[in-house]
Amino acid sequence: MSEPIFHNISSAPTHVAPFSHAVECDGWIQLTGQMPTDPVDDAAPLPDGVEAQTRRVMDNLIIVLEGLGLGLHHVLSCRVYITEFKRDYAAMNAAYKSYFPADRLPARTCVGVTGLARDALVEIDMVAKRP
């Protein structure tokens, strides 16, 4: 196993905790869960509703992937965390699935949680692999 590479992407949102945006080892990349924060203005209010927050989270993850020279087609799995599971699961799924072709959906786990940083409704992390 080679030494891990710790990536921080300058165009990605400001860190909300002590972490790297992604860690890579032997072509495997673990992307830190992204929040629905504005990548240009960290102080901006979060988008209203889980659908808009899911889109912001996915767009933030795309920024990190692109900073690594990758795209969503390199993603193998995702973990989704939502604070209002029963209320928001369907709306989150509708926004989430619009980012992937129907025949190329990553493996996924979705977990209801009691709270997220910045009082977000959703957070998503990813595992990707270089070709």
N, C-alpha and C. Protein backbone atom coordinates (compact mmCIF):
# COMPACT_ATOMS: atom_id res chain seq x y z
N MET A 1 0.84 -1.17 0.00
CA MET A 1 0.00 0.00 0.00
C MET A 1 0.90 1.24 0.00
N SER A 2 0.58 2.17 -0.89
CA SER A 2 1.34 3.41 -0.94
C SER A 2 0.89 4.36 0.17
N GLU A 3 1.64 5.43 0.34
CA GLU A 3 1.30 6.44 1.34
C GLU A 3 0.04 7.20 0.91
N PRO A 4 -0.85 7.53 1.83
CA PRO A 4 -2.05 8.30 1.47
C PRO A 4 -1.68 9.72 1.06
N ILE A 5 -2.49 10.27 0.18
CA ILE A 5 -2.37 11.65 -0.27
C ILE A 5 -3.58 12.39 0.27
N PHE A 6 -3.33 13.49 0.94
CA PHE A 6 -4.39 14.27 1.56
C PHE A 6 -4.67 15.48 0.66
N HIS A 7 -5.87 15.53 0.10
CA HIS A 7 -6.23 16.57 -0.86
C HIS A 7 -7.13 17.63 -0.21
N ASN A 8 -6.80 18.88 -0.48
CA ASN A 8 -7.68 20.00 -0.16
C ASN A 8 -7.84 20.81 -1.43
N ILE A 9 -9.07 21.06 -1.81
CA ILE A 9 -9.40 21.68 -3.09
C ILE A 9 -9.74 23.14 -2.83
N SER A 10 -9.00 24.06 -3.42
CA SER A 10 -9.18 25.49 -3.12
C SER A 10 -10.55 26.01 -3.53
N SER A 11 -11.16 25.43 -4.56
CA SER A 11 -12.48 25.90 -5.01
C SER A 11 -13.64 25.26 -4.25
N ALA A 12 -13.33 24.27 -3.41
CA ALA A 12 -14.38 23.58 -2.63
C ALA A 12 -14.79 24.43 -1.43
N PRO A 13 -15.94 24.12 -0.85
CA PRO A 13 -16.39 24.88 0.32
C PRO A 13 -15.37 24.85 1.46
N THR A 14 -15.44 25.88 2.28
CA THR A 14 -14.60 25.97 3.46
C THR A 14 -14.89 24.79 4.39
N HIS A 15 -13.86 24.26 4.99
CA HIS A 15 -14.02 23.15 5.94
C HIS A 15 -14.89 23.60 7.11
N VAL A 16 -15.79 22.72 7.56
CA VAL A 16 -16.59 23.01 8.75
C VAL A 16 -16.02 22.29 9.97
N ALA A 17 -14.94 21.54 9.77
CA ALA A 17 -14.29 20.79 10.84
C ALA A 17 -12.87 20.46 10.37
N PRO A 18 -12.04 19.86 11.22
CA PRO A 18 -10.67 19.51 10.81
C PRO A 18 -10.65 18.24 9.95
N PHE A 19 -10.58 18.40 8.64
CA PHE A 19 -10.52 17.26 7.72
C PHE A 19 -9.91 17.70 6.40
N SER A 20 -9.56 16.73 5.56
CA SER A 20 -9.18 16.97 4.17
C SER A 20 -10.42 16.76 3.33
N HIS A 21 -10.49 17.44 2.18
CA HIS A 21 -11.64 17.22 1.30
C HIS A 21 -11.68 15.79 0.78
N ALA A 22 -10.50 15.19 0.59
CA ALA A 22 -10.43 13.82 0.10
C ALA A 22 -9.09 13.22 0.51
N VAL A 23 -9.08 11.92 0.68
CA VAL A 23 -7.85 11.19 0.95
C VAL A 23 -7.77 10.06 -0.07
N GLU A 24 -6.60 9.94 -0.69
CA GLU A 24 -6.41 8.99 -1.78
C GLU A 24 -5.30 8.02 -1.44
N CYS A 25 -5.50 6.75 -1.77
CA CYS A 25 -4.48 5.74 -1.59
C CYS A 25 -4.67 4.66 -2.65
N ASP A 26 -3.64 4.41 -3.42
CA ASP A 26 -3.67 3.38 -4.46
C ASP A 26 -4.84 3.55 -5.42
N GLY A 27 -5.16 4.79 -5.74
CA GLY A 27 -6.24 5.08 -6.69
C GLY A 27 -7.63 5.12 -6.10
N TRP A 28 -7.76 4.74 -4.84
CA TRP A 28 -9.05 4.82 -4.14
C TRP A 28 -9.13 6.18 -3.46
N ILE A 29 -10.26 6.84 -3.57
CA ILE A 29 -10.43 8.17 -3.00
C ILE A 29 -11.68 8.19 -2.12
N GLN A 30 -11.48 8.58 -0.87
CA GLN A 30 -12.59 8.79 0.05
C GLN A 30 -12.84 10.28 0.12
N LEU A 31 -14.01 10.72 -0.33
CA LEU A 31 -14.39 12.13 -0.25
C LEU A 31 -15.12 12.37 1.05
N THR A 32 -14.68 13.39 1.78
CA THR A 32 -15.34 13.77 3.02
C THR A 32 -16.76 14.21 2.72
N GLY A 33 -17.68 13.91 3.62
CA GLY A 33 -19.05 14.35 3.46
C GLY A 33 -19.11 15.86 3.29
N GLN A 34 -19.88 16.27 2.32
CA GLN A 34 -20.05 17.69 2.05
C GLN A 34 -21.37 18.18 2.61
N MET A 35 -21.35 19.43 3.01
CA MET A 35 -22.52 20.10 3.55
C MET A 35 -23.12 20.98 2.45
N PRO A 36 -24.34 21.46 2.63
CA PRO A 36 -24.96 22.31 1.61
C PRO A 36 -24.54 23.78 1.75
N THR A 37 -23.25 24.00 1.98
CA THR A 37 -22.74 25.37 2.12
C THR A 37 -22.33 25.92 0.77
N ASP A 38 -22.42 27.22 0.65
CA ASP A 38 -22.03 27.92 -0.58
C ASP A 38 -20.52 27.89 -0.69
N PRO A 39 -19.96 27.39 -1.80
CA PRO A 39 -18.51 27.31 -1.91
C PRO A 39 -17.83 28.68 -2.04
N VAL A 40 -18.59 29.71 -2.37
CA VAL A 40 -18.03 31.06 -2.53
C VAL A 40 -18.21 31.89 -1.26
N ASP A 41 -19.32 31.69 -0.57
CA ASP A 41 -19.63 32.49 0.62
C ASP A 41 -20.06 31.56 1.75
N ASP A 42 -19.11 31.20 2.57
CA ASP A 42 -19.36 30.27 3.67
C ASP A 42 -20.41 30.78 4.65
N ALA A 43 -20.57 32.09 4.73
CA ALA A 43 -21.52 32.68 5.67
C ALA A 43 -22.94 32.75 5.12
N ALA A 44 -23.12 32.41 3.84
CA ALA A 44 -24.46 32.48 3.24
C ALA A 44 -25.38 31.47 3.91
N PRO A 45 -26.67 31.79 4.02
CA PRO A 45 -27.62 30.82 4.58
C PRO A 45 -27.66 29.54 3.74
N LEU A 46 -27.96 28.43 4.38
CA LEU A 46 -28.11 27.17 3.64
C LEU A 46 -29.36 27.28 2.76
N PRO A 47 -29.38 26.55 1.64
CA PRO A 47 -30.58 26.54 0.80
C PRO A 47 -31.79 26.03 1.59
N ASP A 48 -32.97 26.48 1.19
CA ASP A 48 -34.20 26.05 1.85
C ASP A 48 -34.63 24.68 1.34
N GLY A 49 -34.89 23.76 2.23
CA GLY A 49 -35.45 22.45 1.89
C GLY A 49 -34.40 21.42 1.51
N VAL A 50 -34.78 20.16 1.68
CA VAL A 50 -33.84 19.06 1.46
C VAL A 50 -33.47 18.90 -0.01
N GLU A 51 -34.40 19.18 -0.93
CA GLU A 51 -34.06 19.04 -2.35
C GLU A 51 -32.97 20.03 -2.74
N ALA A 52 -33.12 21.29 -2.37
CA ALA A 52 -32.11 22.30 -2.70
C ALA A 52 -30.80 22.01 -1.96
N GLN A 53 -30.89 21.54 -0.73
CA GLN A 53 -29.67 21.21 0.00
C GLN A 53 -28.97 20.00 -0.62
N THR A 54 -29.72 19.01 -1.07
CA THR A 54 -29.12 17.84 -1.72
C THR A 54 -28.39 18.28 -2.98
N ARG A 55 -28.98 19.14 -3.77
CA ARG A 55 -28.33 19.64 -4.98
C ARG A 55 -27.05 20.40 -4.65
N ARG A 56 -27.07 21.22 -3.61
CA ARG A 56 -25.86 21.96 -3.22
C ARG A 56 -24.78 21.00 -2.76
N VAL A 57 -25.16 19.98 -1.99
CA VAL A 57 -24.20 18.97 -1.53
C VAL A 57 -23.59 18.25 -2.74
N MET A 58 -24.43 17.79 -3.66
CA MET A 58 -23.91 17.08 -4.84
C MET A 58 -23.01 17.99 -5.67
N ASP A 59 -23.40 19.25 -5.83
CA ASP A 59 -22.56 20.18 -6.59
C ASP A 59 -21.23 20.41 -5.87
N ASN A 60 -21.23 20.44 -4.55
CA ASN A 60 -19.98 20.58 -3.79
C ASN A 60 -19.10 19.35 -3.96
N LEU A 61 -19.71 18.17 -3.98
CA LEU A 61 -18.94 16.95 -4.21
C LEU A 61 -18.34 16.93 -5.61
N ILE A 62 -19.08 17.43 -6.58
CA ILE A 62 -18.57 17.52 -7.95
C ILE A 62 -17.35 18.46 -7.99
N ILE A 63 -17.39 19.55 -7.25
CA ILE A 63 -16.24 20.46 -7.18
C ILE A 63 -15.01 19.71 -6.68
N VAL A 64 -15.17 18.91 -5.64
CA VAL A 64 -14.05 18.13 -5.10
C VAL A 64 -13.58 17.12 -6.14
N LEU A 65 -14.51 16.38 -6.74
CA LEU A 65 -14.13 15.40 -7.76
C LEU A 65 -13.36 16.06 -8.91
N GLU A 66 -13.88 17.18 -9.40
CA GLU A 66 -13.23 17.87 -10.51
C GLU A 66 -11.84 18.37 -10.11
N GLY A 67 -11.68 18.77 -8.86
CA GLY A 67 -10.37 19.18 -8.36
C GLY A 67 -9.37 18.04 -8.36
N LEU A 68 -9.87 16.82 -8.38
CA LEU A 68 -9.03 15.62 -8.43
C LEU A 68 -8.91 15.06 -9.85
N GLY A 69 -9.53 15.75 -10.81
CA GLY A 69 -9.52 15.27 -12.19
C GLY A 69 -10.48 14.12 -12.41
N LEU A 70 -11.53 14.05 -11.60
CA LEU A 70 -12.51 12.95 -11.68
C LEU A 70 -13.90 13.51 -11.88
N GLY A 71 -14.87 12.62 -12.06
CA GLY A 71 -16.27 13.00 -12.19
C GLY A 71 -17.15 11.98 -11.50
N LEU A 72 -18.44 12.20 -11.56
CA LEU A 72 -19.38 11.28 -10.91
C LEU A 72 -19.30 9.86 -11.47
N HIS A 73 -18.85 9.71 -12.70
CA HIS A 73 -18.74 8.36 -13.28
C HIS A 73 -17.63 7.54 -12.61
N HIS A 74 -16.80 8.16 -11.77
CA HIS A 74 -15.77 7.45 -11.03
C HIS A 74 -16.24 7.03 -9.63
N VAL A 75 -17.46 7.43 -9.26
CA VAL A 75 -17.97 7.17 -7.91
C VAL A 75 -18.52 5.74 -7.82
N LEU A 76 -18.08 5.03 -6.78
CA LEU A 76 -18.52 3.65 -6.57
C LEU A 76 -19.59 3.55 -5.50
N SER A 77 -19.49 4.39 -4.48
CA SER A 77 -20.49 4.32 -3.41
C SER A 77 -20.66 5.68 -2.74
N CYS A 78 -21.82 5.84 -2.11
CA CYS A 78 -22.17 7.06 -1.39
C CYS A 78 -22.81 6.68 -0.07
N ARG A 79 -22.64 7.56 0.90
CA ARG A 79 -23.38 7.47 2.15
C ARG A 79 -24.12 8.79 2.30
N VAL A 80 -25.42 8.68 2.56
CA VAL A 80 -26.27 9.85 2.72
C VAL A 80 -26.77 9.87 4.16
N TYR A 81 -26.68 11.04 4.76
CA TYR A 81 -27.16 11.25 6.12
C TYR A 81 -28.24 12.32 6.05
N ILE A 82 -29.43 12.01 6.56
CA ILE A 82 -30.51 13.00 6.56
C ILE A 82 -31.13 13.09 7.96
N THR A 83 -31.49 14.31 8.33
CA THR A 83 -31.99 14.53 9.69
C THR A 83 -33.49 14.27 9.83
N GLU A 84 -34.23 14.39 8.76
CA GLU A 84 -35.68 14.17 8.81
C GLU A 84 -36.02 13.04 7.82
N PHE A 85 -35.66 11.82 8.20
CA PHE A 85 -35.72 10.69 7.27
C PHE A 85 -37.11 10.50 6.66
N LYS A 86 -38.11 10.37 7.48
CA LYS A 86 -39.45 10.10 6.95
C LYS A 86 -39.95 11.24 6.08
N ARG A 87 -39.73 12.46 6.52
CA ARG A 87 -40.23 13.62 5.78
C ARG A 87 -39.46 13.85 4.48
N ASP A 88 -38.14 13.67 4.49
CA ASP A 88 -37.29 14.15 3.39
C ASP A 88 -36.71 13.07 2.48
N TYR A 89 -36.91 11.80 2.81
CA TYR A 89 -36.26 10.72 2.04
C TYR A 89 -36.63 10.77 0.55
N ALA A 90 -37.89 10.88 0.22
CA ALA A 90 -38.31 10.87 -1.18
C ALA A 90 -37.78 12.08 -1.94
N ALA A 91 -37.85 13.26 -1.35
CA ALA A 91 -37.36 14.47 -2.02
C ALA A 91 -35.85 14.42 -2.20
N MET A 92 -35.13 13.92 -1.18
CA MET A 92 -33.68 13.78 -1.31
C MET A 92 -33.35 12.82 -2.44
N ASN A 93 -34.06 11.68 -2.50
CA ASN A 93 -33.81 10.70 -3.56
C ASN A 93 -34.05 11.29 -4.95
N ALA A 94 -35.09 12.08 -5.11
CA ALA A 94 -35.39 12.68 -6.41
C ALA A 94 -34.24 13.57 -6.87
N ALA A 95 -33.73 14.40 -5.97
CA ALA A 95 -32.62 15.27 -6.33
C ALA A 95 -31.35 14.45 -6.56
N TYR A 96 -31.06 13.51 -5.68
CA TYR A 96 -29.84 12.69 -5.77
C TYR A 96 -29.76 11.92 -7.08
N LYS A 97 -30.85 11.22 -7.42
CA LYS A 97 -30.79 10.34 -8.60
C LYS A 97 -30.68 11.11 -9.91
N SER A 98 -31.01 12.40 -9.89
CA SER A 98 -30.90 13.19 -11.12
C SER A 98 -29.45 13.42 -11.53
N TYR A 99 -28.51 13.12 -10.67
CA TYR A 99 -27.09 13.31 -10.96
C TYR A 99 -26.43 12.11 -11.64
N PHE A 100 -27.13 10.99 -11.70
CA PHE A 100 -26.53 9.76 -12.23
C PHE A 100 -27.41 9.15 -13.32
N PRO A 101 -26.79 8.53 -14.32
CA PRO A 101 -27.60 7.76 -15.27
C PRO A 101 -28.30 6.60 -14.53
N ALA A 102 -29.49 6.26 -14.95
CA ALA A 102 -30.28 5.23 -14.27
C ALA A 102 -29.55 3.89 -14.19
N ASP A 103 -28.70 3.60 -15.16
CA ASP A 103 -27.99 2.32 -15.18
C ASP A 103 -26.60 2.39 -14.55
N ARG A 104 -26.27 3.53 -13.90
CA ARG A 104 -24.94 3.70 -13.27
C ARG A 104 -25.06 4.33 -11.89
N LEU A 105 -26.01 3.85 -11.11
CA LEU A 105 -26.17 4.36 -9.76
C LEU A 105 -25.13 3.73 -8.84
N PRO A 106 -24.41 4.54 -8.06
CA PRO A 106 -23.44 3.96 -7.12
C PRO A 106 -24.13 3.14 -6.04
N ALA A 107 -23.39 2.25 -5.42
CA ALA A 107 -23.88 1.60 -4.21
C ALA A 107 -24.14 2.71 -3.20
N ARG A 108 -25.10 2.49 -2.28
CA ARG A 108 -25.44 3.59 -1.38
C ARG A 108 -26.02 3.09 -0.07
N THR A 109 -25.71 3.82 0.98
CA THR A 109 -26.32 3.65 2.29
C THR A 109 -26.94 4.99 2.66
N CYS A 110 -28.13 4.95 3.24
CA CYS A 110 -28.79 6.19 3.67
C CYS A 110 -29.18 6.01 5.14
N VAL A 111 -28.78 6.96 5.96
CA VAL A 111 -28.96 6.85 7.39
C VAL A 111 -29.67 8.09 7.91
N GLY A 112 -30.68 7.89 8.74
CA GLY A 112 -31.30 8.99 9.45
C GLY A 112 -30.47 9.32 10.68
N VAL A 113 -30.20 10.61 10.88
CA VAL A 113 -29.37 11.05 11.99
C VAL A 113 -30.10 12.14 12.78
N THR A 114 -29.63 12.39 13.99
CA THR A 114 -30.30 13.38 14.84
C THR A 114 -29.83 14.80 14.58
N GLY A 115 -28.69 14.97 13.93
CA GLY A 115 -28.22 16.32 13.65
C GLY A 115 -26.99 16.30 12.77
N LEU A 116 -26.79 17.41 12.05
CA LEU A 116 -25.62 17.59 11.19
C LEU A 116 -25.04 18.98 11.44
N ALA A 117 -23.79 19.17 11.07
CA ALA A 117 -23.15 20.47 11.22
C ALA A 117 -23.96 21.53 10.49
N ARG A 118 -23.93 22.72 11.01
CA ARG A 118 -24.63 23.88 10.45
C ARG A 118 -26.14 23.69 10.37
N ASP A 119 -26.67 22.72 11.11
CA ASP A 119 -28.11 22.41 11.08
C ASP A 119 -28.59 22.03 9.69
N ALA A 120 -27.70 21.43 8.92
CA ALA A 120 -28.05 20.96 7.58
C ALA A 120 -29.06 19.83 7.66
N LEU A 121 -29.80 19.65 6.57
CA LEU A 121 -30.76 18.55 6.46
C LEU A 121 -30.14 17.31 5.85
N VAL A 122 -29.03 17.47 5.12
CA VAL A 122 -28.43 16.35 4.40
C VAL A 122 -26.91 16.54 4.29
N GLU A 123 -26.21 15.43 4.33
CA GLU A 123 -24.76 15.37 4.08
C GLU A 123 -24.51 14.10 3.30
N ILE A 124 -23.58 14.14 2.36
CA ILE A 124 -23.26 12.98 1.53
C ILE A 124 -21.75 12.86 1.42
N ASP A 125 -21.24 11.63 1.58
CA ASP A 125 -19.83 11.38 1.28
C ASP A 125 -19.75 10.34 0.16
N MET A 126 -18.58 10.16 -0.38
CA MET A 126 -18.41 9.29 -1.55
C MET A 126 -17.09 8.53 -1.49
N VAL A 127 -17.06 7.40 -2.18
CA VAL A 127 -15.84 6.67 -2.47
C VAL A 127 -15.73 6.61 -3.99
N ALA A 128 -14.58 7.02 -4.50
CA ALA A 128 -14.35 7.00 -5.95
C ALA A 128 -13.06 6.21 -6.22
N LYS A 129 -12.86 5.86 -7.48
CA LYS A 129 -11.68 5.09 -7.89
C LYS A 129 -11.16 5.67 -9.19
N ARG A 130 -9.85 5.91 -9.22
CA ARG A 130 -9.23 6.35 -10.46
C ARG A 130 -9.20 5.19 -11.46
N PRO A 131 -9.33 5.51 -12.75
CA PRO A 131 -9.26 4.43 -13.76
C PRO A 131 -7.87 3.82 -13.83
